[in-house]
Structures are given as C-alpha cells and as structure tokens.
PDB file of all heavy atoms in Angstrom:
ATOM      1  N   ARG A   1     -25.007  28.397 -49.640  1.00  0.00           N
ATOM      2  CA  ARG A   1     -24.784  27.955 -51.012  1.00  0.00           C
ATOM      3  C   ARG A   1     -24.819  29.194 -51.906  1.00  0.00           C
ATOM      4  O   ARG A   1     -25.736  30.018 -51.737  1.00  0.00           O
ATOM      5  CB  ARG A   1     -25.837  26.950 -51.443  1.00  0.00           C
ATOM      6  CG  ARG A   1     -25.620  25.622 -50.802  1.00  0.00           C
ATOM      7  CD  ARG A   1     -25.610  24.561 -51.861  1.00  0.00           C
ATOM      8  NE  ARG A   1     -25.112  23.326 -51.365  1.00  0.00           N
ATOM      9  CZ  ARG A   1     -23.876  22.850 -51.587  1.00  0.00           C
ATOM     10  NH1 ARG A   1     -23.056  23.517 -52.344  1.00  0.00           N
ATOM     11  NH2 ARG A   1     -23.498  21.723 -51.086  1.00  0.00           N
ATOM     12  N   VAL A   2     -23.944  29.253 -52.831  1.00  0.00           N
ATOM     13  CA  VAL A   2     -23.932  30.442 -53.755  1.00  0.00           C
ATOM     14  C   VAL A   2     -24.025  29.914 -55.177  1.00  0.00           C
ATOM     15  O   VAL A   2     -23.641  28.816 -55.510  1.00  0.00           O
ATOM     16  CB  VAL A   2     -22.634  31.257 -53.585  1.00  0.00           C
ATOM     17  CG1 VAL A   2     -22.613  31.900 -52.196  1.00  0.00           C
ATOM     18  CG2 VAL A   2     -21.354  30.476 -53.815  1.00  0.00           C
ATOM     19  N   PRO A   3     -24.570  30.744 -56.081  1.00  0.00           N
ATOM     20  CA  PRO A   3     -24.667  30.401 -57.524  1.00  0.00           C
ATOM     21  C   PRO A   3     -23.271  30.123 -58.075  1.00  0.00           C
ATOM     22  O   PRO A   3     -22.292  30.761 -57.694  1.00  0.00           O
ATOM     23  CB  PRO A   3     -25.327  31.605 -58.144  1.00  0.00           C
ATOM     24  CG  PRO A   3     -25.960  32.353 -57.037  1.00  0.00           C
ATOM     25  CD  PRO A   3     -25.151  32.080 -55.814  1.00  0.00           C
ATOM     26  N   GLU A   4     -23.217  29.194 -59.008  1.00  0.00           N
ATOM     27  CA  GLU A   4     -21.951  28.887 -59.688  1.00  0.00           C
ATOM     28  C   GLU A   4     -21.375  30.177 -60.293  1.00  0.00           C
ATOM     29  O   GLU A   4     -22.089  31.008 -60.876  1.00  0.00           O
ATOM     30  CB  GLU A   4     -22.168  27.864 -60.763  1.00  0.00           C
ATOM     31  CG  GLU A   4     -20.935  27.368 -61.423  1.00  0.00           C
ATOM     32  CD  GLU A   4     -21.163  26.218 -62.389  1.00  0.00           C
ATOM     33  OE1 GLU A   4     -22.145  25.510 -62.233  1.00  0.00           O
ATOM     34  OE2 GLU A   4     -20.342  26.068 -63.313  1.00  0.00           O
ATOM     35  N   GLY A   5     -20.075  30.372 -60.131  1.00  0.00           N
ATOM     36  CA  GLY A   5     -19.407  31.536 -60.683  1.00  0.00           C
ATOM     37  C   GLY A   5     -19.349  32.694 -59.694  1.00  0.00           C
ATOM     38  O   GLY A   5     -18.665  33.712 -59.999  1.00  0.00           O
ATOM     39  N   THR A   6     -19.966  32.601 -58.593  1.00  0.00           N
ATOM     40  CA  THR A   6     -19.975  33.664 -57.563  1.00  0.00           C
ATOM     41  C   THR A   6     -18.659  33.591 -56.766  1.00  0.00           C
ATOM     42  O   THR A   6     -18.045  34.581 -56.446  1.00  0.00           O
ATOM     43  CB  THR A   6     -21.128  33.527 -56.594  1.00  0.00           C
ATOM     44  OG1 THR A   6     -22.325  33.602 -57.338  1.00  0.00           O
ATOM     45  CG2 THR A   6     -21.129  34.654 -55.572  1.00  0.00           C
ATOM     46  N   SER A   7     -18.188  32.390 -56.446  1.00  0.00           N
ATOM     47  CA  SER A   7     -17.120  32.133 -55.536  1.00  0.00           C
ATOM     48  C   SER A   7     -16.381  30.910 -55.994  1.00  0.00           C
ATOM     49  O   SER A   7     -16.929  30.125 -56.740  1.00  0.00           O
ATOM     50  CB  SER A   7     -17.665  31.971 -54.112  1.00  0.00           C
ATOM     51  OG  SER A   7     -16.678  31.710 -53.210  1.00  0.00           O
ATOM     52  N   PRO A   8     -15.105  30.703 -55.565  1.00  0.00           N
ATOM     53  CA  PRO A   8     -14.393  29.497 -55.979  1.00  0.00           C
ATOM     54  C   PRO A   8     -15.039  28.189 -55.533  1.00  0.00           C
ATOM     55  O   PRO A   8     -14.840  27.156 -56.149  1.00  0.00           O
ATOM     56  CB  PRO A   8     -13.026  29.631 -55.317  1.00  0.00           C
ATOM     57  CG  PRO A   8     -12.902  31.070 -54.952  1.00  0.00           C
ATOM     58  CD  PRO A   8     -14.305  31.603 -54.774  1.00  0.00           C
ATOM     59  N   LEU A   9     -15.800  28.217 -54.455  1.00  0.00           N
ATOM     60  CA  LEU A   9     -16.439  27.025 -53.919  1.00  0.00           C
ATOM     61  C   LEU A   9     -17.947  27.188 -54.072  1.00  0.00           C
ATOM     62  O   LEU A   9     -18.454  28.270 -54.280  1.00  0.00           O
ATOM     63  CB  LEU A   9     -16.055  26.829 -52.439  1.00  0.00           C
ATOM     64  CG  LEU A   9     -14.557  26.626 -52.181  1.00  0.00           C
ATOM     65  CD1 LEU A   9     -14.263  26.669 -50.680  1.00  0.00           C
ATOM     66  CD2 LEU A   9     -14.088  25.277 -52.790  1.00  0.00           C
ATOM     67  N   PRO A  10     -18.702  26.079 -53.903  1.00  0.00           N
ATOM     68  CA  PRO A  10     -20.148  26.196 -54.035  1.00  0.00           C
ATOM     69  C   PRO A  10     -20.847  26.847 -52.848  1.00  0.00           C
ATOM     70  O   PRO A  10     -22.066  26.996 -52.825  1.00  0.00           O
ATOM     71  CB  PRO A  10     -20.602  24.749 -54.211  1.00  0.00           C
ATOM     72  CG  PRO A  10     -19.517  23.923 -53.613  1.00  0.00           C
ATOM     73  CD  PRO A  10     -18.268  24.713 -53.774  1.00  0.00           C
ATOM     74  N   TRP A  11     -20.086  27.239 -51.839  1.00  0.00           N
ATOM     75  CA  TRP A  11     -20.624  27.923 -50.687  1.00  0.00           C
ATOM     76  C   TRP A  11     -19.697  29.091 -50.390  1.00  0.00           C
ATOM     77  O   TRP A  11     -18.568  29.174 -50.852  1.00  0.00           O
ATOM     78  CB  TRP A  11     -20.695  26.991 -49.459  1.00  0.00           C
ATOM     79  CG  TRP A  11     -19.336  26.376 -49.138  1.00  0.00           C
ATOM     80  CD1 TRP A  11     -18.886  25.148 -49.601  1.00  0.00           C
ATOM     81  CD2 TRP A  11     -18.266  26.953 -48.438  1.00  0.00           C
ATOM     82  NE1 TRP A  11     -17.607  24.937 -49.161  1.00  0.00           N
ATOM     83  CE2 TRP A  11     -17.202  26.008 -48.455  1.00  0.00           C
ATOM     84  CE3 TRP A  11     -18.073  28.161 -47.797  1.00  0.00           C
ATOM     85  CZ2 TRP A  11     -15.995  26.302 -47.865  1.00  0.00           C
ATOM     86  CZ3 TRP A  11     -16.856  28.400 -47.191  1.00  0.00           C
ATOM     87  CH2 TRP A  11     -15.809  27.481 -47.200  1.00  0.00           C
ATOM     88  N   ALA A  12     -20.167  30.009 -49.570  1.00  0.00           N
ATOM     89  CA  ALA A  12     -19.357  31.103 -49.134  1.00  0.00           C
ATOM     90  C   ALA A  12     -19.799  31.450 -47.680  1.00  0.00           C
ATOM     91  O   ALA A  12     -20.967  31.266 -47.343  1.00  0.00           O
ATOM     92  CB  ALA A  12     -19.528  32.344 -50.015  1.00  0.00           C
ATOM     93  N   LEU A  13     -18.893  31.969 -46.906  1.00  0.00           N
ATOM     94  CA  LEU A  13     -19.272  32.473 -45.599  1.00  0.00           C
ATOM     95  C   LEU A  13     -19.874  33.861 -45.844  1.00  0.00           C
ATOM     96  O   LEU A  13     -19.316  34.642 -46.636  1.00  0.00           O
ATOM     97  CB  LEU A  13     -18.100  32.589 -44.629  1.00  0.00           C
ATOM     98  CG  LEU A  13     -17.672  31.289 -43.971  1.00  0.00           C
ATOM     99  CD1 LEU A  13     -16.585  31.571 -42.934  1.00  0.00           C
ATOM    100  CD2 LEU A  13     -18.825  30.549 -43.338  1.00  0.00           C
ATOM    101  N   GLY A  14     -20.942  34.173 -45.190  1.00  0.00           N
ATOM    102  CA  GLY A  14     -21.583  35.473 -45.355  1.00  0.00           C
ATOM    103  C   GLY A  14     -22.226  35.942 -44.055  1.00  0.00           C
ATOM    104  O   GLY A  14     -22.258  35.249 -43.066  1.00  0.00           O
ATOM    105  N   VAL A  15     -22.795  37.107 -44.126  1.00  0.00           N
ATOM    106  CA  VAL A  15     -23.545  37.713 -43.060  1.00  0.00           C
ATOM    107  C   VAL A  15     -24.985  37.782 -43.441  1.00  0.00           C
ATOM    108  O   VAL A  15     -25.320  38.233 -44.551  1.00  0.00           O
ATOM    109  CB  VAL A  15     -22.975  39.126 -42.725  1.00  0.00           C
ATOM    110  CG1 VAL A  15     -23.804  39.818 -41.702  1.00  0.00           C
ATOM    111  CG2 VAL A  15     -21.513  39.026 -42.256  1.00  0.00           C
ATOM    112  N   HIS A  16     -25.855  37.313 -42.569  1.00  0.00           N
ATOM    113  CA  HIS A  16     -27.305  37.324 -42.845  1.00  0.00           C
ATOM    114  C   HIS A  16     -27.851  38.707 -42.831  1.00  0.00           C
ATOM    115  O   HIS A  16     -27.546  39.511 -41.912  1.00  0.00           O
ATOM    116  CB  HIS A  16     -28.035  36.444 -41.864  1.00  0.00           C
ATOM    117  CG  HIS A  16     -29.472  36.288 -42.211  1.00  0.00           C
ATOM    118  ND1 HIS A  16     -30.479  36.994 -41.567  1.00  0.00           N
ATOM    119  CD2 HIS A  16     -30.082  35.524 -43.159  1.00  0.00           C
ATOM    120  CE1 HIS A  16     -31.628  36.673 -42.074  1.00  0.00           C
ATOM    121  NE2 HIS A  16     -31.452  35.804 -43.042  1.00  0.00           N
ATOM    122  N   ILE A  17     -28.645  39.023 -43.852  1.00  0.00           N
ATOM    123  CA  ILE A  17     -29.308  40.354 -43.903  1.00  0.00           C
ATOM    124  C   ILE A  17     -30.728  40.295 -43.441  1.00  0.00           C
ATOM    125  O   ILE A  17     -31.113  40.857 -42.429  1.00  0.00           O
ATOM    126  CB  ILE A  17     -29.217  40.957 -45.330  1.00  0.00           C
ATOM    127  CG1 ILE A  17     -27.753  40.961 -45.839  1.00  0.00           C
ATOM    128  CG2 ILE A  17     -29.822  42.333 -45.394  1.00  0.00           C
ATOM    129  CD1 ILE A  17     -26.792  41.715 -45.016  1.00  0.00           C
ATOM    130  N   GLN A  18     -31.551  39.522 -44.175  1.00  0.00           N
ATOM    131  CA  GLN A  18     -32.958  39.340 -43.791  1.00  0.00           C
ATOM    132  C   GLN A  18     -33.542  38.243 -44.688  1.00  0.00           C
ATOM    133  O   GLN A  18     -33.028  37.967 -45.758  1.00  0.00           O
ATOM    134  CB  GLN A  18     -33.758  40.632 -43.975  1.00  0.00           C
ATOM    135  CG  GLN A  18     -33.808  41.080 -45.422  1.00  0.00           C
ATOM    136  CD  GLN A  18     -34.562  42.402 -45.583  1.00  0.00           C
ATOM    137  OE1 GLN A  18     -35.110  42.967 -44.617  1.00  0.00           O
ATOM    138  NE2 GLN A  18     -34.581  42.956 -46.780  1.00  0.00           N
ATOM    139  N   GLY A  19     -34.637  37.633 -44.236  1.00  0.00           N
ATOM    140  CA  GLY A  19     -35.265  36.589 -44.974  1.00  0.00           C
ATOM    141  C   GLY A  19     -34.283  35.510 -45.374  1.00  0.00           C
ATOM    142  O   GLY A  19     -33.595  34.952 -44.529  1.00  0.00           O
ATOM    143  N   GLU A  20     -34.171  35.253 -46.693  1.00  0.00           N
ATOM    144  CA  GLU A  20     -33.153  34.307 -47.159  1.00  0.00           C
ATOM    145  C   GLU A  20     -31.953  35.015 -47.763  1.00  0.00           C
ATOM    146  O   GLU A  20     -31.135  34.435 -48.457  1.00  0.00           O
ATOM    147  CB  GLU A  20     -33.759  33.419 -48.252  1.00  0.00           C
ATOM    148  CG  GLU A  20     -34.770  32.421 -47.723  1.00  0.00           C
ATOM    149  CD  GLU A  20     -35.189  31.421 -48.791  1.00  0.00           C
ATOM    150  OE1 GLU A  20     -34.672  31.460 -49.913  1.00  0.00           O
ATOM    151  OE2 GLU A  20     -36.052  30.599 -48.458  1.00  0.00           O
ATOM    152  N   GLU A  21     -31.813  36.318 -47.516  1.00  0.00           N
ATOM    153  CA  GLU A  21     -30.728  37.121 -48.128  1.00  0.00           C
ATOM    154  C   GLU A  21     -29.460  37.139 -47.275  1.00  0.00           C
ATOM    155  O   GLU A  21     -29.522  37.416 -46.072  1.00  0.00           O
ATOM    156  CB  GLU A  21     -31.173  38.560 -48.345  1.00  0.00           C
ATOM    157  CG  GLU A  21     -32.274  38.674 -49.370  1.00  0.00           C
ATOM    158  CD  GLU A  21     -32.793  40.063 -49.544  1.00  0.00           C
ATOM    159  OE1 GLU A  21     -32.548  40.943 -48.644  1.00  0.00           O
ATOM    160  OE2 GLU A  21     -33.433  40.343 -50.573  1.00  0.00           O
ATOM    161  N   TRP A  22     -28.345  36.869 -47.912  1.00  0.00           N
ATOM    162  CA  TRP A  22     -27.033  36.871 -47.279  1.00  0.00           C
ATOM    163  C   TRP A  22     -26.071  37.721 -48.093  1.00  0.00           C
ATOM    164  O   TRP A  22     -26.105  37.719 -49.300  1.00  0.00           O
ATOM    165  CB  TRP A  22     -26.443  35.428 -47.269  1.00  0.00           C
ATOM    166  CG  TRP A  22     -27.187  34.508 -46.361  1.00  0.00           C
ATOM    167  CD1 TRP A  22     -28.363  33.859 -46.618  1.00  0.00           C
ATOM    168  CD2 TRP A  22     -26.843  34.162 -45.043  1.00  0.00           C
ATOM    169  NE1 TRP A  22     -28.761  33.113 -45.550  1.00  0.00           N
ATOM    170  CE2 TRP A  22     -27.836  33.303 -44.569  1.00  0.00           C
ATOM    171  CE3 TRP A  22     -25.764  34.511 -44.209  1.00  0.00           C
ATOM    172  CZ2 TRP A  22     -27.798  32.764 -43.264  1.00  0.00           C
ATOM    173  CZ3 TRP A  22     -25.720  33.973 -42.928  1.00  0.00           C
ATOM    174  CH2 TRP A  22     -26.727  33.100 -42.464  1.00  0.00           C
ATOM    175  N   ALA A  23     -25.243  38.489 -47.400  1.00  0.00           N
ATOM    176  CA  ALA A  23     -24.165  39.238 -48.030  1.00  0.00           C
ATOM    177  C   ALA A  23     -22.932  38.363 -48.053  1.00  0.00           C
ATOM    178  O   ALA A  23     -22.502  37.889 -46.971  1.00  0.00           O
ATOM    179  CB  ALA A  23     -23.915  40.519 -47.279  1.00  0.00           C
ATOM    180  N   VAL A  24     -22.356  38.120 -49.219  1.00  0.00           N
ATOM    181  CA  VAL A  24     -21.153  37.312 -49.327  1.00  0.00           C
ATOM    182  C   VAL A  24     -20.169  38.026 -50.230  1.00  0.00           C
ATOM    183  O   VAL A  24     -20.526  38.804 -51.128  1.00  0.00           O
ATOM    184  CB  VAL A  24     -21.439  35.906 -49.860  1.00  0.00           C
ATOM    185  CG1 VAL A  24     -22.386  35.153 -48.960  1.00  0.00           C
ATOM    186  CG2 VAL A  24     -21.968  35.958 -51.309  1.00  0.00           C
TER     187      VAL A  24
END
C-alpha cells in the first residue's frame, strides 16, 4: 500500500529493503 499521490493506484509493486520499508 502506498500513500495517496505516490502512484496511480493505492498499491505499488516494490522491492523490500528492511523492516517495513519498501522501494517503489
């Protein structure tokens, strides 16, 4: 799930970095 305005959809595919952090 991504914050509103980050991506066209409310989710994005990403790569996990650590903890709860994702690169999208």
